[in-house]
Amino acid sequence: MKEKETQIYKFGRGGSCIYVPMDIFKDSAFPFQINEKVRMRIDGRKVIIEKLKEEAKEVASASG
């Protein structure tokens, strides 16, 4: 498991961004792609980021 410190950046009034360091992003175990939509939730003191389920992706692409 790779581990690295990172930062959360604020963008105007619209939200924020969690920076993913390049060596984490390029790791073969990193599960996400650029511009991929994901689900984020808070569980206690943890933030969990998951891939969207296939059926949710299909509904989103059919409606958009």
PDB file of N, CA and C in Angstrom:
ATOM      1  N   MET A   1       0.846  -1.180   0.000  1.00  0.00           N
ATOM      2  CA  MET A   1       0.000   0.000   0.000  1.00  0.00           C
ATOM      3  C   MET A   1       0.887   1.238   0.000  1.00  0.00           C
ATOM      4  N   LYS A   2       0.647   2.117  -0.957  1.00  0.00           N
ATOM      5  CA  LYS A   2       1.380   3.382  -0.986  1.00  0.00           C
ATOM      6  C   LYS A   2       0.660   4.394  -0.121  1.00  0.00           C
ATOM      7  N   GLU A   3       1.427   5.280   0.443  1.00  0.00           N
ATOM      8  CA  GLU A   3       0.864   6.310   1.307  1.00  0.00           C
ATOM      9  C   GLU A   3       1.638   7.593   1.089  1.00  0.00           C
ATOM     10  N   LYS A   4       0.936   8.713   1.076  1.00  0.00           N
ATOM     11  CA  LYS A   4       1.586  10.000   0.852  1.00  0.00           C
ATOM     12  C   LYS A   4       0.721  11.098   1.454  1.00  0.00           C
ATOM     13  N   GLU A   5       1.358  12.139   1.963  1.00  0.00           N
ATOM     14  CA  GLU A   5       0.610  13.309   2.427  1.00  0.00           C
ATOM     15  C   GLU A   5       0.094  14.071   1.225  1.00  0.00           C
ATOM     16  N   THR A   6      -1.054  14.706   1.394  1.00  0.00           N
ATOM     17  CA  THR A   6      -1.624  15.504   0.318  1.00  0.00           C
ATOM     18  C   THR A   6      -2.374  16.683   0.914  1.00  0.00           C
ATOM     19  N   GLN A   7      -3.058  17.461   0.071  1.00  0.00           N
ATOM     20  CA  GLN A   7      -3.777  18.641   0.544  1.00  0.00           C
ATOM     21  C   GLN A   7      -5.164  18.705  -0.056  1.00  0.00           C
ATOM     22  N   ILE A   8      -6.009  19.459   0.618  1.00  0.00           N
ATOM     23  CA  ILE A   8      -7.330  19.782   0.096  1.00  0.00           C
ATOM     24  C   ILE A   8      -7.292  21.254  -0.283  1.00  0.00           C
ATOM     25  N   TYR A   9      -7.678  21.546  -1.528  1.00  0.00           N
ATOM     26  CA  TYR A   9      -7.661  22.916  -2.030  1.00  0.00           C
ATOM     27  C   TYR A   9      -9.083  23.417  -2.202  1.00  0.00           C
ATOM     28  N   LYS A  10      -9.303  24.683  -1.878  1.00  0.00           N
ATOM     29  CA  LYS A  10     -10.607  25.320  -2.066  1.00  0.00           C
ATOM     30  C   LYS A  10     -10.598  26.078  -3.384  1.00  0.00           C
ATOM     31  N   PHE A  11     -11.711  25.979  -4.122  1.00  0.00           N
ATOM     32  CA  PHE A  11     -11.868  26.703  -5.378  1.00  0.00           C
ATOM     33  C   PHE A  11     -13.040  27.662  -5.258  1.00  0.00           C
ATOM     34  N   GLY A  12     -12.753  28.943  -5.089  1.00  0.00           N
ATOM     35  CA  GLY A  12     -13.808  29.947  -4.992  1.00  0.00           C
ATOM     36  C   GLY A  12     -14.875  29.549  -3.992  1.00  0.00           C
ATOM     37  N   ARG A  13     -16.131  29.723  -4.397  1.00  0.00           N
ATOM     38  CA  ARG A  13     -17.249  29.326  -3.540  1.00  0.00           C
ATOM     39  C   ARG A  13     -17.813  27.974  -3.951  1.00  0.00           C
ATOM     40  N   GLY A  14     -17.280  27.413  -5.025  1.00  0.00           N
ATOM     41  CA  GLY A  14     -17.899  26.243  -5.632  1.00  0.00           C
ATOM     42  C   GLY A  14     -17.515  24.891  -5.096  1.00  0.00           C
ATOM     43  N   GLY A  15     -16.514  24.782  -4.298  1.00  0.00           N
ATOM     44  CA  GLY A  15     -16.147  23.466  -3.799  1.00  0.00           C
ATOM     45  C   GLY A  15     -14.668  23.366  -3.498  1.00  0.00           C
ATOM     46  N   SER A  16     -14.200  22.142  -3.461  1.00  0.00           N
ATOM     47  CA  SER A  16     -12.797  21.902  -3.151  1.00  0.00           C
ATOM     48  C   SER A  16     -12.308  20.684  -3.918  1.00  0.00           C
ATOM     49  N   CYS A  17     -11.011  20.452  -3.858  1.00  0.00           N
ATOM     50  CA  CYS A  17     -10.369  19.378  -4.599  1.00  0.00           C
ATOM     51  C   CYS A  17      -9.346  18.702  -3.698  1.00  0.00           C
ATOM     52  N   ILE A  18      -9.317  17.384  -3.698  1.00  0.00           N
ATOM     53  CA  ILE A  18      -8.282  16.635  -2.983  1.00  0.00           C
ATOM     54  C   ILE A  18      -7.217  16.270  -4.010  1.00  0.00           C
ATOM     55  N   TYR A  19      -6.003  16.736  -3.799  1.00  0.00           N
ATOM     56  CA  TYR A  19      -4.902  16.473  -4.722  1.00  0.00           C
ATOM     57  C   TYR A  19      -4.421  15.038  -4.561  1.00  0.00           C
ATOM     58  N   VAL A  20      -4.316  14.311  -5.676  1.00  0.00           N
ATOM     59  CA  VAL A  20      -3.781  12.946  -5.668  1.00  0.00           C
ATOM     60  C   VAL A  20      -2.373  13.006  -6.251  1.00  0.00           C
ATOM     61  N   PRO A  21      -1.346  12.727  -5.450  1.00  0.00           N
ATOM     62  CA  PRO A  21       0.026  12.765  -5.951  1.00  0.00           C
ATOM     63  C   PRO A  21       0.223  11.786  -7.119  1.00  0.00           C
ATOM     64  N   MET A  22       1.087  12.152  -8.068  1.00  0.00           N
ATOM     65  CA  MET A  22       1.274  11.376  -9.286  1.00  0.00           C
ATOM     66  C   MET A  22       1.704   9.935  -9.029  1.00  0.00           C
ATOM     67  N   ASP A  23       2.577   9.691  -8.040  1.00  0.00           N
ATOM     68  CA  ASP A  23       3.009   8.309  -7.816  1.00  0.00           C
ATOM     69  C   ASP A  23       1.874   7.439  -7.276  1.00  0.00           C
ATOM     70  N   ILE A  24       0.903   8.036  -6.602  1.00  0.00           N
ATOM     71  CA  ILE A  24      -0.288   7.293  -6.169  1.00  0.00           C
ATOM     72  C   ILE A  24      -1.184   7.047  -7.385  1.00  0.00           C
ATOM     73  N   PHE A  25      -1.403   8.085  -8.189  1.00  0.00           N
ATOM     74  CA  PHE A  25      -2.260   7.980  -9.371  1.00  0.00           C
ATOM     75  C   PHE A  25      -1.730   6.947 -10.369  1.00  0.00           C
ATOM     76  N   LYS A  26      -0.415   6.893 -10.553  1.00  0.00           N
ATOM     77  CA  LYS A  26       0.183   5.975 -11.527  1.00  0.00           C
ATOM     78  C   LYS A  26       0.325   4.544 -11.009  1.00  0.00           C
ATOM     79  N   ASP A  27       0.103   4.324  -9.728  1.00  0.00           N
ATOM     80  CA  ASP A  27       0.204   2.981  -9.156  1.00  0.00           C
ATOM     81  C   ASP A  27      -0.827   2.064  -9.815  1.00  0.00           C
ATOM     82  N   SER A  28      -0.440   0.856 -10.144  1.00  0.00           N
ATOM     83  CA  SER A  28      -1.346  -0.078 -10.825  1.00  0.00           C
ATOM     84  C   SER A  28      -2.575  -0.422  -9.989  1.00  0.00           C
ATOM     85  N   ALA A  29      -2.521  -0.217  -8.689  1.00  0.00           N
ATOM     86  CA  ALA A  29      -3.667  -0.507  -7.823  1.00  0.00           C
ATOM     87  C   ALA A  29      -4.643   0.665  -7.719  1.00  0.00           C
ATOM     88  N   PHE A  30      -4.283   1.847  -8.251  1.00  0.00           N
ATOM     89  CA  PHE A  30      -5.176   3.011  -8.161  1.00  0.00           C
ATOM     90  C   PHE A  30      -6.398   2.749  -9.033  1.00  0.00           C
ATOM     91  N   PRO A  31      -7.604   2.804  -8.458  1.00  0.00           N
ATOM     92  CA  PRO A  31      -8.789   2.312  -9.168  1.00  0.00           C
ATOM     93  C   PRO A  31      -9.522   3.313 -10.063  1.00  0.00           C
ATOM     94  N   PHE A  32      -9.068   4.559 -10.163  1.00  0.00           N
ATOM     95  CA  PHE A  32      -9.848   5.570 -10.875  1.00  0.00           C
ATOM     96  C   PHE A  32      -9.119   6.089 -12.106  1.00  0.00           C
ATOM     97  N   GLN A  33      -9.898   6.652 -13.041  1.00  0.00           N
ATOM     98  CA  GLN A  33      -9.381   7.268 -14.260  1.00  0.00           C
ATOM     99  C   GLN A  33      -9.635   8.779 -14.190  1.00  0.00           C
ATOM    100  N   ILE A  34      -8.921   9.536 -15.005  1.00  0.00           N
ATOM    101  CA  ILE A  34      -9.170  10.974 -15.111  1.00  0.00           C
ATOM    102  C   ILE A  34     -10.617  11.194 -15.565  1.00  0.00           C
ATOM    103  N   ASN A  35     -11.294  12.152 -14.978  1.00  0.00           N
ATOM    104  CA  ASN A  35     -12.673  12.542 -15.293  1.00  0.00           C
ATOM    105  C   ASN A  35     -13.722  11.476 -14.981  1.00  0.00           C
ATOM    106  N   GLU A  36     -13.359  10.420 -14.296  1.00  0.00           N
ATOM    107  CA  GLU A  36     -14.335   9.400 -13.915  1.00  0.00           C
ATOM    108  C   GLU A  36     -15.205   9.931 -12.774  1.00  0.00           C
ATOM    109  N   LYS A  37     -16.511   9.739 -12.883  1.00  0.00           N
ATOM    110  CA  LYS A  37     -17.413  10.145 -11.802  1.00  0.00           C
ATOM    111  C   LYS A  37     -17.367   9.086 -10.713  1.00  0.00           C
ATOM    112  N   VAL A  38     -17.327   9.539  -9.475  1.00  0.00           N
ATOM    113  CA  VAL A  38     -17.220   8.636  -8.327  1.00  0.00           C
ATOM    114  C   VAL A  38     -18.246   9.033  -7.269  1.00  0.00           C
ATOM    115  N   ARG A  39     -18.455   8.164  -6.311  1.00  0.00           N
ATOM    116  CA  ARG A  39     -19.329   8.459  -5.171  1.00  0.00           C
ATOM    117  C   ARG A  39     -18.438   8.695  -3.960  1.00  0.00           C
ATOM    118  N   MET A  40     -18.713   9.781  -3.218  1.00  0.00           N
ATOM    119  CA  MET A  40     -17.951  10.111  -2.018  1.00  0.00           C
ATOM    120  C   MET A  40     -18.913  10.147  -0.841  1.00  0.00           C
ATOM    121  N   ARG A  41     -18.504   9.531   0.270  1.00  0.00           N
ATOM    122  CA  ARG A  41     -19.342   9.561   1.470  1.00  0.00           C
ATOM    123  C   ARG A  41     -18.461   9.640   2.703  1.00  0.00           C
ATOM    124  N   ILE A  42     -19.063  10.093   3.782  1.00  0.00           N
ATOM    125  CA  ILE A  42     -18.365  10.180   5.061  1.00  0.00           C
ATOM    126  C   ILE A  42     -18.860   9.042   5.933  1.00  0.00           C
ATOM    127  N   ASP A  43     -17.916   8.306   6.508  1.00  0.00           N
ATOM    128  CA  ASP A  43     -18.223   7.187   7.398  1.00  0.00           C
ATOM    129  C   ASP A  43     -17.416   7.400   8.676  1.00  0.00           C
ATOM    130  N   GLY A  44     -18.059   7.961   9.690  1.00  0.00           N
ATOM    131  CA  GLY A  44     -17.330   8.291  10.918  1.00  0.00           C
ATOM    132  C   GLY A  44     -16.310   9.372  10.633  1.00  0.00           C
ATOM    133  N   ARG A  45     -15.038   9.055  10.839  1.00  0.00           N
ATOM    134  CA  ARG A  45     -13.965  10.023  10.594  1.00  0.00           C
ATOM    135  C   ARG A  45     -13.220   9.726   9.294  1.00  0.00           C
ATOM    136  N   LYS A  46     -13.812   8.914   8.420  1.00  0.00           N
ATOM    137  CA  LYS A  46     -13.183   8.555   7.150  1.00  0.00           C
ATOM    138  C   LYS A  46     -13.995   9.093   5.985  1.00  0.00           C
ATOM    139  N   VAL A  47     -13.304   9.427   4.908  1.00  0.00           N
ATOM    140  CA  VAL A  47     -13.946   9.769   3.645  1.00  0.00           C
ATOM    141  C   VAL A  47     -13.718   8.581   2.720  1.00  0.00           C
ATOM    142  N   ILE A  48     -14.794   8.057   2.161  1.00  0.00           N
ATOM    143  CA  ILE A  48     -14.708   6.891   1.286  1.00  0.00           C
ATOM    144  C   ILE A  48     -15.082   7.326  -0.124  1.00  0.00           C
ATOM    145  N   ILE A  49     -14.218   7.015  -1.080  1.00  0.00           N
ATOM    146  CA  ILE A  49     -14.458   7.334  -2.483  1.00  0.00           C
ATOM    147  C   ILE A  49     -14.545   6.014  -3.230  1.00  0.00           C
ATOM    148  N   GLU A  50     -15.666   5.810  -3.935  1.00  0.00           N
ATOM    149  CA  GLU A  50     -15.898   4.540  -4.620  1.00  0.00           C
ATOM    150  C   GLU A  50     -16.297   4.782  -6.069  1.00  0.00           C
ATOM    151  N   LYS A  51     -16.032   3.777  -6.903  1.00  0.00           N
ATOM    152  CA  LYS A  51     -16.526   3.808  -8.272  1.00  0.00           C
ATOM    153  C   LYS A  51     -18.042   3.750  -8.235  1.00  0.00           C
ATOM    154  N   LEU A  52     -18.678   4.391  -9.209  1.00  0.00           N
ATOM    155  CA  LEU A  52     -20.127   4.280  -9.323  1.00  0.00           C
ATOM    156  C   LEU A  52     -20.464   2.884  -9.828  1.00  0.00           C
ATOM    157  N   LYS A  53     -21.558   2.347  -9.375  1.00  0.00           N
ATOM    158  CA  LYS A  53     -22.001   1.044  -9.868  1.00  0.00           C
ATOM    159  C   LYS A  53     -22.405   1.189 -11.328  1.00  0.00           C
ATOM    160  N   GLU A  54     -22.264   0.117 -12.105  1.00  0.00           N
ATOM    161  CA  GLU A  54     -22.549   0.148 -13.540  1.00  0.00           C
ATOM    162  C   GLU A  54     -23.950   0.662 -13.854  1.00  0.00           C
ATOM    163  N   GLU A  55     -24.977   0.218 -13.098  1.00  0.00           N
ATOM    164  CA  GLU A  55     -26.339   0.653 -13.403  1.00  0.00           C
ATOM    165  C   GLU A  55     -26.509   2.153 -13.192  1.00  0.00           C
ATOM    166  N   ALA A  56     -25.806   2.734 -12.230  1.00  0.00           N
ATOM    167  CA  ALA A  56     -25.880   4.177 -12.002  1.00  0.00           C
ATOM    168  C   ALA A  56     -25.239   4.924 -13.169  1.00  0.00           C
ATOM    169  N   LYS A  57     -24.158   4.398 -13.736  1.00  0.00           N
ATOM    170  CA  LYS A  57     -23.503   5.018 -14.879  1.00  0.00           C
ATOM    171  C   LYS A  57     -24.436   5.016 -16.085  1.00  0.00           C
ATOM    172  N   GLU A  58     -25.126   3.879 -16.313  1.00  0.00           N
ATOM    173  CA  GLU A  58     -26.020   3.762 -17.457  1.00  0.00           C
ATOM    174  C   GLU A  58     -27.179   4.743 -17.350  1.00  0.00           C
ATOM    175  N   VAL A  59     -27.768   4.899 -16.174  1.00  0.00           N
ATOM    176  CA  VAL A  59     -28.866   5.840 -15.968  1.00  0.00           C
ATOM    177  C   VAL A  59     -28.386   7.261 -16.220  1.00  0.00           C
ATOM    178  N   ALA A  60     -27.212   7.603 -15.723  1.00  0.00           N
ATOM    179  CA  ALA A  60     -26.672   8.952 -15.895  1.00  0.00           C
ATOM    180  C   ALA A  60     -26.419   9.251 -17.369  1.00  0.00           C
ATOM    181  N   SER A  61     -25.866   8.303 -18.122  1.00  0.00           N
ATOM    182  CA  SER A  61     -25.574   8.559 -19.527  1.00  0.00           C
ATOM    183  C   SER A  61     -26.849   8.587 -20.365  1.00  0.00           C
ATOM    184  N   ALA A  62     -27.876   7.842 -19.984  1.00  0.00           N
ATOM    185  CA  ALA A  62     -29.137   7.842 -20.715  1.00  0.00           C
ATOM    186  C   ALA A  62     -29.905   9.143 -20.517  1.00  0.00           C
ATOM    187  N   SER A  63     -29.771   9.747 -19.344  1.00  0.00           N
ATOM    188  CA  SER A  63     -30.515  10.975 -19.062  1.00  0.00           C
ATOM    189  C   SER A  63     -29.752  12.231 -19.463  1.00  0.00           C
ATOM    190  N   GLY A  64     -28.470  12.125 -19.744  1.00  0.00           N
ATOM    191  CA  GLY A  64     -27.674  13.318 -19.980  1.00  0.00           C
ATOM    192  C   GLY A  64     -27.232  13.451 -21.353  1.00  0.00           C
TER     193      GLY A  64
END
